[in-house]
């Protein structure tokens, strides 16, 4: 996911997977963010990233806003193409 590229040193949201819907969690496709974040906060990977990043750790609310803004902008661009 381009909106999360570089976050926590990862590519395409790879080190912020708890934000990206449809990522794999324990070998299964993840549920939407609102339904799963509580369980993600107990994930070993999430905790490792949080510890490694320390004060530079980007909060989930900030990351969600990046994804939502990007998604809205992409939707607007798509709608403008259809209207043309």
N, C-alpha and C. Protein backbone atom coordinates (compact mmCIF):
# COMPACT_ATOMS: atom_id res chain seq x y z
N UNK A 1 0.85 -1.17 0.00
CA UNK A 1 0.00 0.00 0.00
C UNK A 1 0.90 1.23 0.00
N UNK A 2 0.82 2.00 -1.06
CA UNK A 2 1.71 3.14 -1.27
C UNK A 2 1.62 4.19 -0.17
N UNK A 3 0.44 4.38 0.39
CA UNK A 3 0.27 5.41 1.43
C UNK A 3 1.09 5.10 2.68
N UNK A 4 1.48 3.85 2.85
CA UNK A 4 2.25 3.44 4.03
C UNK A 4 3.68 3.07 3.68
N UNK A 5 4.10 3.35 2.46
CA UNK A 5 5.45 3.04 2.03
C UNK A 5 6.46 3.79 2.89
N UNK A 6 7.41 3.07 3.45
CA UNK A 6 8.44 3.68 4.28
C UNK A 6 8.11 3.79 5.76
N UNK A 7 6.87 3.55 6.14
CA UNK A 7 6.48 3.64 7.55
C UNK A 7 7.20 2.56 8.33
N UNK A 8 7.83 2.94 9.39
CA UNK A 8 8.61 2.04 10.25
C UNK A 8 9.69 1.30 9.46
N UNK A 9 10.13 1.89 8.36
CA UNK A 9 11.19 1.29 7.54
C UNK A 9 10.71 0.18 6.63
N UNK A 10 9.42 0.01 6.46
CA UNK A 10 8.88 -1.07 5.63
C UNK A 10 8.45 -0.59 4.26
N UNK A 11 8.17 -1.52 3.40
CA UNK A 11 7.70 -1.22 2.05
C UNK A 11 6.23 -1.65 1.91
N UNK A 12 5.44 -0.81 1.26
CA UNK A 12 4.04 -1.12 0.97
C UNK A 12 3.24 -1.48 2.21
N UNK A 13 3.57 -0.87 3.33
CA UNK A 13 2.83 -1.12 4.57
C UNK A 13 3.26 -2.36 5.32
N UNK A 14 4.38 -2.96 4.92
CA UNK A 14 4.82 -4.21 5.51
C UNK A 14 5.17 -4.15 6.99
N UNK A 15 5.52 -2.97 7.50
CA UNK A 15 5.80 -2.86 8.93
C UNK A 15 4.71 -2.04 9.63
N UNK A 16 3.54 -2.08 9.03
CA UNK A 16 2.33 -1.51 9.64
C UNK A 16 1.14 -2.34 9.16
N UNK A 17 1.33 -3.65 9.12
CA UNK A 17 0.32 -4.56 8.58
C UNK A 17 -1.00 -4.51 9.33
N UNK A 18 -0.97 -4.09 10.58
CA UNK A 18 -2.20 -4.02 11.37
C UNK A 18 -3.16 -2.97 10.82
N UNK A 19 -2.68 -2.08 9.97
CA UNK A 19 -3.52 -1.06 9.35
C UNK A 19 -4.09 -1.56 8.03
N UNK A 20 -3.37 -2.42 7.34
CA UNK A 20 -3.72 -2.85 5.98
C UNK A 20 -4.73 -3.99 6.03
N UNK A 21 -5.91 -3.73 5.49
CA UNK A 21 -6.95 -4.77 5.46
C UNK A 21 -6.58 -5.82 4.43
N UNK A 22 -6.87 -7.06 4.76
CA UNK A 22 -6.62 -8.17 3.86
C UNK A 22 -5.25 -8.80 4.00
N UNK A 23 -4.43 -8.30 4.93
CA UNK A 23 -3.13 -8.93 5.16
C UNK A 23 -3.34 -10.25 5.89
N UNK A 24 -2.33 -11.08 5.87
CA UNK A 24 -2.44 -12.37 6.53
C UNK A 24 -2.08 -12.25 8.00
N UNK A 25 -2.87 -12.91 8.81
CA UNK A 25 -2.65 -12.93 10.25
C UNK A 25 -2.82 -14.38 10.68
N UNK A 26 -1.77 -14.99 11.16
CA UNK A 26 -1.78 -16.41 11.53
C UNK A 26 -2.25 -17.27 10.36
N UNK A 27 -1.84 -16.88 9.14
CA UNK A 27 -2.17 -17.65 7.95
C UNK A 27 -3.56 -17.42 7.39
N UNK A 28 -4.32 -16.54 8.00
CA UNK A 28 -5.69 -16.26 7.54
C UNK A 28 -5.80 -14.80 7.13
N UNK A 29 -6.68 -14.52 6.15
CA UNK A 29 -6.93 -13.15 5.73
C UNK A 29 -7.54 -12.38 6.91
N UNK A 30 -6.98 -11.21 7.17
CA UNK A 30 -7.42 -10.44 8.34
C UNK A 30 -8.79 -9.80 8.15
N UNK A 31 -9.42 -9.54 9.25
CA UNK A 31 -10.71 -8.85 9.28
C UNK A 31 -10.46 -7.35 9.12
N UNK A 32 -11.50 -6.56 8.92
CA UNK A 32 -11.32 -5.10 8.86
C UNK A 32 -10.68 -4.56 10.14
N UNK A 33 -9.95 -3.47 10.02
CA UNK A 33 -9.18 -2.88 11.10
C UNK A 33 -9.98 -2.73 12.40
N UNK A 34 -11.17 -2.18 12.30
CA UNK A 34 -11.97 -1.92 13.50
C UNK A 34 -12.28 -3.20 14.27
N UNK A 35 -12.37 -4.31 13.56
CA UNK A 35 -12.70 -5.59 14.19
C UNK A 35 -11.49 -6.32 14.76
N UNK A 36 -10.29 -5.96 14.32
CA UNK A 36 -9.14 -6.75 14.71
C UNK A 36 -8.04 -6.02 15.44
N UNK A 37 -8.08 -4.70 15.51
CA UNK A 37 -6.93 -4.00 16.09
C UNK A 37 -6.62 -4.46 17.50
N UNK A 38 -7.63 -4.71 18.29
CA UNK A 38 -7.37 -5.16 19.66
C UNK A 38 -6.49 -6.40 19.66
N UNK A 39 -6.80 -7.37 18.80
CA UNK A 39 -5.97 -8.58 18.76
C UNK A 39 -4.60 -8.29 18.16
N UNK A 40 -4.50 -7.35 17.22
CA UNK A 40 -3.20 -6.99 16.64
C UNK A 40 -2.28 -6.41 17.70
N UNK A 41 -2.84 -5.72 18.66
CA UNK A 41 -2.00 -5.10 19.69
C UNK A 41 -1.31 -6.15 20.57
N UNK A 42 -1.73 -7.41 20.49
CA UNK A 42 -1.09 -8.49 21.22
C UNK A 42 -0.13 -9.30 20.33
N UNK A 43 -0.07 -8.95 19.06
CA UNK A 43 0.75 -9.68 18.09
C UNK A 43 2.25 -9.45 18.37
N UNK A 44 3.04 -10.51 18.29
CA UNK A 44 4.48 -10.40 18.52
C UNK A 44 5.14 -9.44 17.53
N UNK A 45 4.71 -9.48 16.27
CA UNK A 45 5.30 -8.60 15.26
C UNK A 45 4.99 -7.14 15.57
N UNK A 46 3.75 -6.84 15.90
CA UNK A 46 3.34 -5.49 16.27
C UNK A 46 4.19 -4.98 17.43
N UNK A 47 4.33 -5.80 18.44
CA UNK A 47 5.11 -5.41 19.63
C UNK A 47 6.59 -5.22 19.30
N UNK A 48 7.12 -6.04 18.40
CA UNK A 48 8.51 -5.92 18.00
C UNK A 48 8.73 -4.58 17.27
N UNK A 49 7.83 -4.26 16.33
CA UNK A 49 7.95 -3.00 15.59
C UNK A 49 7.85 -1.83 16.56
N UNK A 50 6.91 -1.90 17.47
CA UNK A 50 6.73 -0.83 18.45
C UNK A 50 8.00 -0.65 19.28
N UNK A 51 8.60 -1.72 19.71
CA UNK A 51 9.82 -1.65 20.52
C UNK A 51 10.99 -1.12 19.69
N UNK A 52 11.14 -1.61 18.47
CA UNK A 52 12.25 -1.17 17.61
C UNK A 52 12.15 0.31 17.26
N UNK A 53 10.94 0.77 17.02
CA UNK A 53 10.75 2.16 16.60
C UNK A 53 10.82 3.13 17.78
N UNK A 54 10.46 2.68 18.95
CA UNK A 54 10.51 3.55 20.13
C UNK A 54 9.69 4.82 19.93
N UNK A 55 10.30 5.96 20.16
CA UNK A 55 9.60 7.25 20.04
C UNK A 55 9.18 7.56 18.61
N UNK A 56 9.79 6.89 17.63
CA UNK A 56 9.44 7.13 16.22
C UNK A 56 8.24 6.30 15.77
N UNK A 57 7.71 5.45 16.65
CA UNK A 57 6.56 4.62 16.31
C UNK A 57 5.39 5.52 15.94
N UNK A 58 4.80 5.27 14.77
CA UNK A 58 3.66 6.07 14.29
C UNK A 58 2.38 5.40 14.76
N UNK A 59 1.57 6.16 15.48
CA UNK A 59 0.33 5.63 16.04
C UNK A 59 -0.64 5.18 14.95
N UNK A 60 -1.43 4.20 15.27
CA UNK A 60 -2.39 3.64 14.32
C UNK A 60 -3.39 4.68 13.83
N UNK A 61 -3.79 5.60 14.68
CA UNK A 61 -4.75 6.63 14.25
C UNK A 61 -4.15 7.50 13.16
N UNK A 62 -2.86 7.79 13.25
CA UNK A 62 -2.18 8.59 12.22
C UNK A 62 -2.09 7.79 10.93
N UNK A 63 -1.72 6.51 11.05
CA UNK A 63 -1.61 5.67 9.87
C UNK A 63 -2.96 5.48 9.19
N UNK A 64 -4.01 5.29 9.98
CA UNK A 64 -5.35 5.13 9.40
C UNK A 64 -5.75 6.37 8.62
N UNK A 65 -5.43 7.55 9.16
CA UNK A 65 -5.79 8.77 8.45
C UNK A 65 -5.03 8.87 7.13
N UNK A 66 -3.79 8.41 7.08
CA UNK A 66 -3.04 8.41 5.81
C UNK A 66 -3.71 7.50 4.79
N UNK A 67 -4.12 6.34 5.24
CA UNK A 67 -4.77 5.38 4.35
C UNK A 67 -6.11 5.92 3.88
N UNK A 68 -6.90 6.48 4.78
CA UNK A 68 -8.22 7.00 4.42
C UNK A 68 -8.10 8.18 3.48
N UNK A 69 -7.14 9.08 3.71
CA UNK A 69 -6.95 10.23 2.83
C UNK A 69 -6.55 9.74 1.45
N UNK A 70 -5.63 8.80 1.40
CA UNK A 70 -5.16 8.26 0.12
C UNK A 70 -6.31 7.58 -0.60
N UNK A 71 -7.09 6.78 0.11
CA UNK A 71 -8.21 6.08 -0.50
C UNK A 71 -9.22 7.08 -1.06
N UNK A 72 -9.53 8.13 -0.31
CA UNK A 72 -10.47 9.15 -0.79
C UNK A 72 -9.94 9.84 -2.03
N UNK A 73 -8.65 10.17 -2.04
CA UNK A 73 -8.05 10.83 -3.20
C UNK A 73 -8.08 9.92 -4.41
N UNK A 74 -7.79 8.63 -4.23
CA UNK A 74 -7.84 7.68 -5.33
C UNK A 74 -9.26 7.55 -5.85
N UNK A 75 -10.23 7.52 -4.94
CA UNK A 75 -11.63 7.41 -5.34
C UNK A 75 -12.04 8.64 -6.14
N UNK A 76 -11.63 9.84 -5.70
CA UNK A 76 -11.96 11.06 -6.42
C UNK A 76 -11.37 11.03 -7.83
N UNK A 77 -10.12 10.57 -7.95
CA UNK A 77 -9.47 10.50 -9.25
C UNK A 77 -10.22 9.53 -10.16
N UNK A 78 -10.64 8.39 -9.60
CA UNK A 78 -11.38 7.39 -10.35
C UNK A 78 -12.74 7.96 -10.80
N UNK A 79 -13.42 8.66 -9.91
CA UNK A 79 -14.71 9.25 -10.25
C UNK A 79 -14.59 10.29 -11.34
N UNK A 80 -13.51 11.07 -11.31
CA UNK A 80 -13.30 12.10 -12.32
C UNK A 80 -13.07 11.45 -13.69
N UNK A 81 -12.39 10.31 -13.75
CA UNK A 81 -12.16 9.62 -15.01
C UNK A 81 -13.48 9.10 -15.59
N UNK A 82 -14.34 8.59 -14.72
CA UNK A 82 -15.63 8.05 -15.20
C UNK A 82 -16.50 9.19 -15.73
N UNK A 83 -16.49 10.33 -15.04
CA UNK A 83 -17.33 11.46 -15.43
C UNK A 83 -16.87 12.08 -16.76
N UNK A 84 -15.62 11.96 -17.09
CA UNK A 84 -15.07 12.58 -18.31
C UNK A 84 -15.53 11.90 -19.58
